[in-house]
Amino acid sequence: MHYIYGINAVSEALKARGRAFEWVGMAKERHDLRLQRLIEDCRRLAVPMRFLQRTELDRMVGNSAHQGVVAVTSAKQYSDLDDVVGAKRGQYSLIVVLDGVEDPHNLGAILRTADAAGADGIVIPERRAASVTGTVTKASAGASEHLPIARVTNIARTVEELKERNLWTVGLDERGSQTYDALDYNMDCALVLGAEGKGLHDLVKRKCDFLVSIPMLGKVSSLNVSVAAAVVLYEIVRQRRARENSSGEK
């Protein structure tokens, strides 16, 4: 069985309709408007509900961070790379490629920001990296249920494939030759981010069209990968909105 937990995560999974729900467990002790809305969503979609003690929900997911809501579902359905590339949401493509992010909370935070920034989808490796678990779904506030996520066997090869599909690949690296805000992102592109503490693998780095860095003005040499992702993703948003606004004025 697969569990997702947290009221936002379960609510968004119900909206996305990408999973089969066996049932949703809710804490008997919880009585509030948000839970009532979730009950109404379950009734509308004919999803069975069970009202349980919080201790039972704790045992199901192995922690107490479920906010009184746990769903028993099918596994996350991953997409093909074709689906991610084809899910273009705006004038320009924006795909986030993760080269071995291992912490589920970092992955969840990146998914949440990527969805908010209008990214088309995410690419993650099959091995030695976090997958979309219940912890990731909760950390993403349910964004993982809306974004196409492809799992691939080789990130370096995938970067090459994206280039063949006419996407520019932008790697974030502390030794990048230009700062992240000096590059014009008004183009179909993929943002490539490395693992915690390790950064991009050398081969992946060599495959990227551009390497950009975030200036570090303090004593610490790098940012957490989810924070770095947010910085660059919203620079991309800023530039693209500025281009749209300037075009609209003409």
C-alpha atoms as a PDB file:
ATOM      1  CA  MET A   1       0.000   0.000   0.000  1.00  0.00           C
ATOM      2  CA  HIS A   2       1.066   3.586  -0.639  1.00  0.00           C
ATOM      3  CA  TYR A   3       0.289   6.410   1.739  1.00  0.00           C
ATOM      4  CA  ILE A   4       0.052  10.122   1.186  1.00  0.00           C
ATOM      5  CA  TYR A   5      -0.649  12.350   4.137  1.00  0.00           C
ATOM      6  CA  GLY A   6      -1.307  15.938   5.113  1.00  0.00           C
ATOM      7  CA  ILE A   7      -4.489  17.781   4.265  1.00  0.00           C
ATOM      8  CA  ASN A   8      -3.039  19.764   1.326  1.00  0.00           C
ATOM      9  CA  ALA A   9      -1.342  16.716  -0.162  1.00  0.00           C
ATOM     10  CA  VAL A  10      -4.471  14.579  -0.023  1.00  0.00           C
ATOM     11  CA  SER A  11      -6.736  17.403  -1.250  1.00  0.00           C
ATOM     12  CA  GLU A  12      -4.507  18.098  -4.261  1.00  0.00           C
ATOM     13  CA  ALA A  13      -4.220  14.391  -5.063  1.00  0.00           C
ATOM     14  CA  LEU A  14      -8.010  14.167  -5.141  1.00  0.00           C
ATOM     15  CA  LYS A  15      -8.194  17.172  -7.477  1.00  0.00           C
ATOM     16  CA  ALA A  16      -5.476  15.834  -9.784  1.00  0.00           C
ATOM     17  CA  ARG A  17      -7.165  12.416 -10.087  1.00  0.00           C
ATOM     18  CA  GLY A  18      -3.871  10.789 -10.940  1.00  0.00           C
ATOM     19  CA  ARG A  19      -4.139   8.083  -8.293  1.00  0.00           C
ATOM     20  CA  ALA A  20      -6.647   5.412  -7.351  1.00  0.00           C
ATOM     21  CA  PHE A  21      -7.836   5.956  -3.766  1.00  0.00           C
ATOM     22  CA  GLU A  22      -8.595   2.931  -1.605  1.00  0.00           C
ATOM     23  CA  TRP A  23      -9.738   5.070   1.322  1.00  0.00           C
ATOM     24  CA  VAL A  24      -8.925   8.219   3.269  1.00  0.00           C
ATOM     25  CA  GLY A  25      -8.372   8.032   7.010  1.00  0.00           C
ATOM     26  CA  MET A  26      -9.232  11.064   9.151  1.00  0.00           C
ATOM     27  CA  ALA A  27      -8.573  11.728  12.802  1.00  0.00           C
ATOM     28  CA  LYS A  28     -11.694  11.450  14.945  1.00  0.00           C
ATOM     29  CA  GLU A  29     -10.377  14.319  17.052  1.00  0.00           C
ATOM     30  CA  ARG A  30     -10.208  16.809  14.185  1.00  0.00           C
ATOM     31  CA  HIS A  31     -13.229  19.052  13.562  1.00  0.00           C
ATOM     32  CA  ASP A  32     -12.693  22.089  11.350  1.00  0.00           C
ATOM     33  CA  LEU A  33     -13.746  23.652   8.060  1.00  0.00           C
ATOM     34  CA  ARG A  34     -10.769  22.352   6.062  1.00  0.00           C
ATOM     35  CA  LEU A  35     -11.489  18.787   7.095  1.00  0.00           C
ATOM     36  CA  GLN A  36     -15.169  19.248   6.276  1.00  0.00           C
ATOM     37  CA  ARG A  37     -14.224  20.372   2.772  1.00  0.00           C
ATOM     38  CA  LEU A  38     -12.065  17.274   2.381  1.00  0.00           C
ATOM     39  CA  ILE A  39     -14.973  15.090   3.519  1.00  0.00           C
ATOM     40  CA  GLU A  40     -17.175  16.744   0.895  1.00  0.00           C
ATOM     41  CA  ASP A  41     -14.542  16.135  -1.810  1.00  0.00           C
ATOM     42  CA  CYS A  42     -14.342  12.454  -0.850  1.00  0.00           C
ATOM     43  CA  ARG A  43     -18.119  12.108  -0.952  1.00  0.00           C
ATOM     44  CA  ARG A  44     -18.320  13.803  -4.337  1.00  0.00           C
ATOM     45  CA  LEU A  45     -15.689  11.459  -5.768  1.00  0.00           C
ATOM     46  CA  ALA A  46     -17.082   8.381  -3.969  1.00  0.00           C
ATOM     47  CA  VAL A  47     -13.847   7.809  -2.053  1.00  0.00           C
ATOM     48  CA  PRO A  48     -14.431   5.739   1.119  1.00  0.00           C
ATOM     49  CA  MET A  49     -13.514   7.348   4.445  1.00  0.00           C
ATOM     50  CA  ARG A  50     -12.509   5.962   7.816  1.00  0.00           C
ATOM     51  CA  PHE A  51     -12.448   7.934  11.052  1.00  0.00           C
ATOM     52  CA  LEU A  52      -9.567   6.752  13.209  1.00  0.00           C
ATOM     53  CA  GLN A  53      -7.606   7.648  16.303  1.00  0.00           C
ATOM     54  CA  ARG A  54      -4.519   9.790  15.657  1.00  0.00           C
ATOM     55  CA  THR A  55      -2.349   7.016  17.069  1.00  0.00           C
ATOM     56  CA  GLU A  56      -3.586   4.673  14.326  1.00  0.00           C
ATOM     57  CA  LEU A  57      -2.686   7.269  11.668  1.00  0.00           C
ATOM     58  CA  ASP A  58       0.733   7.684  13.324  1.00  0.00           C
ATOM     59  CA  ARG A  59       1.373   3.959  12.973  1.00  0.00           C
ATOM     60  CA  MET A  60       0.294   3.934   9.328  1.00  0.00           C
ATOM     61  CA  VAL A  61       2.806   6.540   8.150  1.00  0.00           C
ATOM     62  CA  GLY A  62       5.463   6.179  10.842  1.00  0.00           C
ATOM     63  CA  ASN A  63       5.265   9.754  12.083  1.00  0.00           C
ATOM     64  CA  SER A  64       2.851  12.317  13.498  1.00  0.00           C
ATOM     65  CA  ALA A  65       3.141  14.917  10.714  1.00  0.00           C
ATOM     66  CA  HIS A  66      -0.022  13.819   8.917  1.00  0.00           C
ATOM     67  CA  GLN A  67      -2.288  16.614  10.266  1.00  0.00           C
ATOM     68  CA  GLY A  68      -4.947  14.016  10.936  1.00  0.00           C
ATOM     69  CA  VAL A  69      -5.324  12.951   7.284  1.00  0.00           C
ATOM     70  CA  VAL A  70      -3.844   9.844   5.619  1.00  0.00           C
ATOM     71  CA  ALA A  71      -4.876   8.363   2.258  1.00  0.00           C
ATOM     72  CA  VAL A  72      -4.242   4.822   1.034  1.00  0.00           C
ATOM     73  CA  THR A  73      -3.619   5.104  -2.706  1.00  0.00           C
ATOM     74  CA  SER A  74      -1.986   3.610  -5.740  1.00  0.00           C
ATOM     75  CA  ALA A  75       1.642   4.506  -6.431  1.00  0.00           C
ATOM     76  CA  LYS A  76       2.627   7.757  -8.125  1.00  0.00           C
ATOM     77  CA  GLN A  77       2.415   7.329 -11.879  1.00  0.00           C
ATOM     78  CA  TYR A  78       5.556   8.692 -13.495  1.00  0.00           C
ATOM     79  CA  SER A  79       5.564  10.231 -16.951  1.00  0.00           C
ATOM     80  CA  ASP A  80       7.765   9.635 -19.975  1.00  0.00           C
ATOM     81  CA  LEU A  81      10.259  12.294 -20.992  1.00  0.00           C
ATOM     82  CA  ASP A  82       8.068  12.894 -24.061  1.00  0.00           C
ATOM     83  CA  ASP A  83       5.156  13.764 -21.770  1.00  0.00           C
ATOM     84  CA  VAL A  84       7.258  16.253 -19.798  1.00  0.00           C
ATOM     85  CA  VAL A  85       8.556  17.945 -22.946  1.00  0.00           C
ATOM     86  CA  GLY A  86       5.057  17.974 -24.415  1.00  0.00           C
ATOM     87  CA  ALA A  87       3.472  19.577 -21.331  1.00  0.00           C
ATOM     88  CA  LYS A  88       4.481  23.098 -22.374  1.00  0.00           C
ATOM     89  CA  ARG A  89       2.487  25.606 -20.315  1.00  0.00           C
ATOM     90  CA  GLY A  90       3.687  28.924 -21.698  1.00  0.00           C
ATOM     91  CA  GLN A  91       5.427  30.557 -24.630  1.00  0.00           C
ATOM     92  CA  TYR A  92       8.723  28.936 -23.649  1.00  0.00           C
ATOM     93  CA  SER A  93       9.415  25.496 -22.218  1.00  0.00           C
ATOM     94  CA  LEU A  94      10.743  25.221 -18.676  1.00  0.00           C
ATOM     95  CA  ILE A  95      11.805  21.812 -17.378  1.00  0.00           C
ATOM     96  CA  VAL A  96      13.635  21.164 -14.110  1.00  0.00           C
ATOM     97  CA  VAL A  97      16.202  18.347 -14.183  1.00  0.00           C
ATOM     98  CA  LEU A  98      17.494  17.058 -10.836  1.00  0.00           C
ATOM     99  CA  ASP A  99      20.867  15.335 -10.864  1.00  0.00           C
ATOM    100  CA  GLY A 100      20.534  13.156  -7.773  1.00  0.00           C
ATOM    101  CA  VAL A 101      18.627  15.142  -5.131  1.00  0.00           C
ATOM    102  CA  GLU A 102      18.391  12.673  -2.239  1.00  0.00           C
ATOM    103  CA  ASP A 103      16.525  14.481   0.537  1.00  0.00           C
ATOM    104  CA  PRO A 104      12.742  14.008   0.177  1.00  0.00           C
ATOM    105  CA  HIS A 105      12.052  17.390   1.792  1.00  0.00           C
ATOM    106  CA  ASN A 106      14.296  19.107  -0.750  1.00  0.00           C
ATOM    107  CA  LEU A 107      12.586  17.276  -3.602  1.00  0.00           C
ATOM    108  CA  GLY A 108       9.172  18.241  -2.248  1.00  0.00           C
ATOM    109  CA  ALA A 109      10.172  21.892  -1.867  1.00  0.00           C
ATOM    110  CA  ILE A 110      11.549  21.982  -5.427  1.00  0.00           C
ATOM    111  CA  LEU A 111       8.348  20.440  -6.801  1.00  0.00           C
ATOM    112  CA  ARG A 112       6.257  23.027  -4.974  1.00  0.00           C
ATOM    113  CA  THR A 113       8.327  25.936  -6.310  1.00  0.00           C
ATOM    114  CA  ALA A 114       8.525  24.475  -9.822  1.00  0.00           C
ATOM    115  CA  ASP A 115       4.738  24.211  -9.999  1.00  0.00           C
ATOM    116  CA  ALA A 116       4.326  27.758  -8.645  1.00  0.00           C
ATOM    117  CA  ALA A 117       6.822  29.068 -11.209  1.00  0.00           C
ATOM    118  CA  GLY A 118       4.942  27.445 -14.089  1.00  0.00           C
ATOM    119  CA  ALA A 119       7.465  24.716 -14.905  1.00  0.00           C
ATOM    120  CA  ASP A 120       6.270  22.119 -17.397  1.00  0.00           C
ATOM    121  CA  GLY A 121       7.640  19.152 -15.472  1.00  0.00           C
ATOM    122  CA  ILE A 122      10.476  17.530 -13.562  1.00  0.00           C
ATOM    123  CA  VAL A 123      13.076  14.912 -14.449  1.00  0.00           C
ATOM    124  CA  ILE A 124      14.668  12.778 -11.725  1.00  0.00           C
ATOM    125  CA  PRO A 125      16.996   9.758 -11.880  1.00  0.00           C
ATOM    126  CA  GLU A 126      15.780   6.267 -11.089  1.00  0.00           C
ATOM    127  CA  ARG A 127      18.665   5.439  -8.761  1.00  0.00           C
ATOM    128  CA  ARG A 128      20.484   7.163  -5.908  1.00  0.00           C
ATOM    129  CA  ALA A 129      17.863   9.891  -5.652  1.00  0.00           C
ATOM    130  CA  ALA A 130      14.614  10.607  -3.831  1.00  0.00           C
ATOM    131  CA  SER A 131      11.423   9.374  -5.474  1.00  0.00           C
ATOM    132  CA  VAL A 132       7.898  10.668  -4.929  1.00  0.00           C
ATOM    133  CA  THR A 133       6.971   9.224  -1.540  1.00  0.00           C
ATOM    134  CA  GLY A 134       4.337  10.347   0.937  1.00  0.00           C
ATOM    135  CA  THR A 135       6.936  12.569   2.581  1.00  0.00           C
ATOM    136  CA  VAL A 136       7.700  14.248  -0.762  1.00  0.00           C
ATOM    137  CA  THR A 137       4.015  14.702  -1.545  1.00  0.00           C
ATOM    138  CA  LYS A 138       3.428  16.404   1.804  1.00  0.00           C
ATOM    139  CA  ALA A 139       6.560  18.588   1.481  1.00  0.00           C
ATOM    140  CA  SER A 140       5.349  19.671  -1.960  1.00  0.00           C
ATOM    141  CA  ALA A 141       1.900  20.595  -0.536  1.00  0.00           C
ATOM    142  CA  GLY A 142       0.442  18.327  -3.230  1.00  0.00           C
ATOM    143  CA  ALA A 143       2.281  19.931  -6.166  1.00  0.00           C
ATOM    144  CA  SER A 144       3.772  16.507  -6.943  1.00  0.00           C
ATOM    145  CA  GLU A 145       0.289  15.387  -7.996  1.00  0.00           C
ATOM    146  CA  HIS A 146      -0.062  18.068 -10.674  1.00  0.00           C
ATOM    147  CA  LEU A 147       3.404  18.103 -12.278  1.00  0.00           C
ATOM    148  CA  PRO A 148       4.524  15.510 -14.838  1.00  0.00           C
ATOM    149  CA  ILE A 149       7.567  13.782 -13.330  1.00  0.00           C
ATOM    150  CA  ALA A 150       9.791  11.556 -15.449  1.00  0.00           C
ATOM    151  CA  ARG A 151      12.255   9.043 -13.982  1.00  0.00           C
ATOM    152  CA  VAL A 152      15.209   8.334 -16.258  1.00  0.00           C
ATOM    153  CA  THR A 153      18.161   5.973 -16.106  1.00  0.00           C
ATOM    154  CA  ASN A 154      20.849   8.491 -17.030  1.00  0.00           C
ATOM    155  CA  ILE A 155      20.721  12.245 -16.436  1.00  0.00           C
ATOM    156  CA  ALA A 156      23.659  13.067 -18.732  1.00  0.00           C
ATOM    157  CA  ARG A 157      21.975  11.226 -21.606  1.00  0.00           C
ATOM    158  CA  THR A 158      18.689  12.975 -20.813  1.00  0.00           C
ATOM    159  CA  VAL A 159      20.402  16.373 -21.006  1.00  0.00           C
ATOM    160  CA  GLU A 160      21.609  15.383 -24.479  1.00  0.00           C
ATOM    161  CA  GLU A 161      18.068  14.332 -25.443  1.00  0.00           C
ATOM    162  CA  LEU A 162      16.660  17.658 -24.299  1.00  0.00           C
ATOM    163  CA  LYS A 163      19.241  19.485 -26.407  1.00  0.00           C
ATOM    164  CA  GLU A 164      18.237  17.370 -29.402  1.00  0.00           C
ATOM    165  CA  ARG A 165      14.652  18.554 -28.794  1.00  0.00           C
ATOM    166  CA  ASN A 166      15.844  22.165 -29.097  1.00  0.00           C
ATOM    167  CA  LEU A 167      15.897  23.004 -25.397  1.00  0.00           C
ATOM    168  CA  TRP A 168      18.846  24.966 -24.032  1.00  0.00           C
ATOM    169  CA  THR A 169      20.249  23.350 -20.894  1.00  0.00           C
ATOM    170  CA  VAL A 170      21.298  25.572 -17.986  1.00  0.00           C
ATOM    171  CA  GLY A 171      23.307  23.987 -15.185  1.00  0.00           C
ATOM    172  CA  LEU A 172      23.553  25.660 -11.792  1.00  0.00           C
ATOM    173  CA  ASP A 173      27.116  25.382 -10.506  1.00  0.00           C
ATOM    174  CA  GLU A 174      29.034  27.468  -7.968  1.00  0.00           C
ATOM    175  CA  ARG A 175      31.885  27.783 -10.476  1.00  0.00           C
ATOM    176  CA  GLY A 176      29.593  28.823 -13.329  1.00  0.00           C
ATOM    177  CA  SER A 177      31.109  31.341 -15.735  1.00  0.00           C
ATOM    178  CA  GLN A 178      28.223  33.827 -15.395  1.00  0.00           C
ATOM    179  CA  THR A 179      25.736  34.762 -12.712  1.00  0.00           C
ATOM    180  CA  TYR A 180      22.265  33.273 -12.938  1.00  0.00           C
ATOM    181  CA  ASP A 181      20.631  36.653 -13.646  1.00  0.00           C
ATOM    182  CA  ALA A 182      22.967  37.506 -16.541  1.00  0.00           C
ATOM    183  CA  LEU A 183      21.454  34.854 -18.816  1.00  0.00           C
ATOM    184  CA  ASP A 184      18.379  35.549 -20.962  1.00  0.00           C
ATOM    185  CA  TYR A 185      15.827  32.812 -20.204  1.00  0.00           C
ATOM    186  CA  ASN A 186      13.389  33.835 -22.918  1.00  0.00           C
ATOM    187  CA  MET A 187      14.028  30.539 -24.675  1.00  0.00           C
ATOM    188  CA  ASP A 188      12.945  26.910 -24.353  1.00  0.00           C
ATOM    189  CA  CYS A 189      15.187  25.665 -21.568  1.00  0.00           C
ATOM    190  CA  ALA A 190      15.855  23.099 -18.880  1.00  0.00           C
ATOM    191  CA  LEU A 191      17.314  24.069 -15.505  1.00  0.00           C
ATOM    192  CA  VAL A 192      19.695  21.373 -14.240  1.00  0.00           C
ATOM    193  CA  LEU A 193      20.361  21.182 -10.489  1.00  0.00           C
ATOM    194  CA  GLY A 194      22.846  18.981  -8.660  1.00  0.00           C
ATOM    195  CA  ALA A 195      22.675  16.918  -5.494  1.00  0.00           C
ATOM    196  CA  GLU A 196      23.015  18.231  -1.967  1.00  0.00           C
ATOM    197  CA  GLY A 197      26.657  18.926  -1.137  1.00  0.00           C
ATOM    198  CA  LYS A 198      27.898  17.377  -4.387  1.00  0.00           C
ATOM    199  CA  GLY A 199      26.482  19.588  -7.092  1.00  0.00           C
ATOM    200  CA  LEU A 200      26.323  18.452 -10.697  1.00  0.00           C
ATOM    201  CA  HIS A 201      28.221  15.386 -11.806  1.00  0.00           C
ATOM    202  CA  ASP A 202      31.162  16.310 -14.044  1.00  0.00           C
ATOM    203  CA  LEU A 203      29.673  14.609 -17.113  1.00  0.00           C
ATOM    204  CA  VAL A 204      26.321  16.338 -16.638  1.00  0.00           C
ATOM    205  CA  LYS A 205      28.108  19.648 -16.181  1.00  0.00           C
ATOM    206  CA  ARG A 206      29.993  19.196 -19.454  1.00  0.00           C
ATOM    207  CA  LYS A 207      26.769  18.442 -21.313  1.00  0.00           C
ATOM    208  CA  CYS A 208      25.065  21.706 -20.269  1.00  0.00           C
ATOM    209  CA  ASP A 209      24.960  24.606 -22.731  1.00  0.00           C
ATOM    210  CA  PHE A 210      25.392  27.161 -19.940  1.00  0.00           C
ATOM    211  CA  LEU A 211      26.722  27.044 -16.388  1.00  0.00           C
ATOM    212  CA  VAL A 212      25.459  29.769 -14.088  1.00  0.00           C
ATOM    213  CA  SER A 213      26.163  30.582 -10.457  1.00  0.00           C
ATOM    214  CA  ILE A 214      24.448  32.400  -7.598  1.00  0.00           C
ATOM    215  CA  PRO A 215      26.731  35.007  -5.986  1.00  0.00           C
ATOM    216  CA  MET A 216      27.503  34.129  -2.358  1.00  0.00           C
ATOM    217  CA  LEU A 217      28.403  37.234  -0.365  1.00  0.00           C
ATOM    218  CA  GLY A 218      28.708  35.676   3.088  1.00  0.00           C
ATOM    219  CA  LYS A 219      30.858  33.003   4.700  1.00  0.00           C
ATOM    220  CA  VAL A 220      28.882  30.003   3.411  1.00  0.00           C
ATOM    221  CA  SER A 221      29.811  28.812  -0.085  1.00  0.00           C
ATOM    222  CA  SER A 222      26.438  27.537  -1.314  1.00  0.00           C
ATOM    223  CA  LEU A 223      22.679  27.506  -0.796  1.00  0.00           C
ATOM    224  CA  ASN A 224      20.411  24.578  -0.069  1.00  0.00           C
ATOM    225  CA  VAL A 225      19.397  23.096  -3.438  1.00  0.00           C
ATOM    226  CA  SER A 226      15.701  23.845  -2.949  1.00  0.00           C
ATOM    227  CA  VAL A 227      16.468  27.479  -2.111  1.00  0.00           C
ATOM    228  CA  ALA A 228      18.823  27.767  -5.094  1.00  0.00           C
ATOM    229  CA  ALA A 229      16.103  26.309  -7.328  1.00  0.00           C
ATOM    230  CA  ALA A 230      13.637  28.944  -6.113  1.00  0.00           C
ATOM    231  CA  VAL A 231      16.104  31.791  -6.733  1.00  0.00           C
ATOM    232  CA  VAL A 232      16.738  30.803 -10.345  1.00  0.00           C
ATOM    233  CA  LEU A 233      13.186  29.728 -11.169  1.00  0.00           C
ATOM    234  CA  TYR A 234      11.798  33.072 -10.103  1.00  0.00           C
ATOM    235  CA  GLU A 235      14.455  34.933 -12.075  1.00  0.00           C
ATOM    236  CA  ILE A 236      13.154  33.004 -15.084  1.00  0.00           C
ATOM    237  CA  VAL A 237       9.597  34.017 -14.159  1.00  0.00           C
ATOM    238  CA  ARG A 238      10.673  37.659 -13.732  1.00  0.00           C
ATOM    239  CA  GLN A 239      12.395  37.815 -17.104  1.00  0.00           C
ATOM    240  CA  ARG A 240       9.574  36.132 -18.984  1.00  0.00           C
ATOM    241  CA  ARG A 241       6.910  38.334 -17.420  1.00  0.00           C
ATOM    242  CA  ALA A 242       8.971  41.434 -18.218  1.00  0.00           C
ATOM    243  CA  ARG A 243       9.193  40.286 -21.850  1.00  0.00           C
ATOM    244  CA  GLU A 244       5.448  39.662 -22.003  1.00  0.00           C
ATOM    245  CA  ASN A 245       4.684  43.045 -20.459  1.00  0.00           C
ATOM    246  CA  SER A 246       7.000  44.894 -22.829  1.00  0.00           C
ATOM    247  CA  SER A 247       5.505  43.092 -25.821  1.00  0.00           C
ATOM    248  CA  GLY A 248       2.003  43.983 -24.643  1.00  0.00           C
ATOM    249  CA  GLU A 249       2.863  47.679 -24.466  1.00  0.00           C
ATOM    250  CA  LYS A 250       3.865  47.847 -28.110  1.00  0.00           C
END
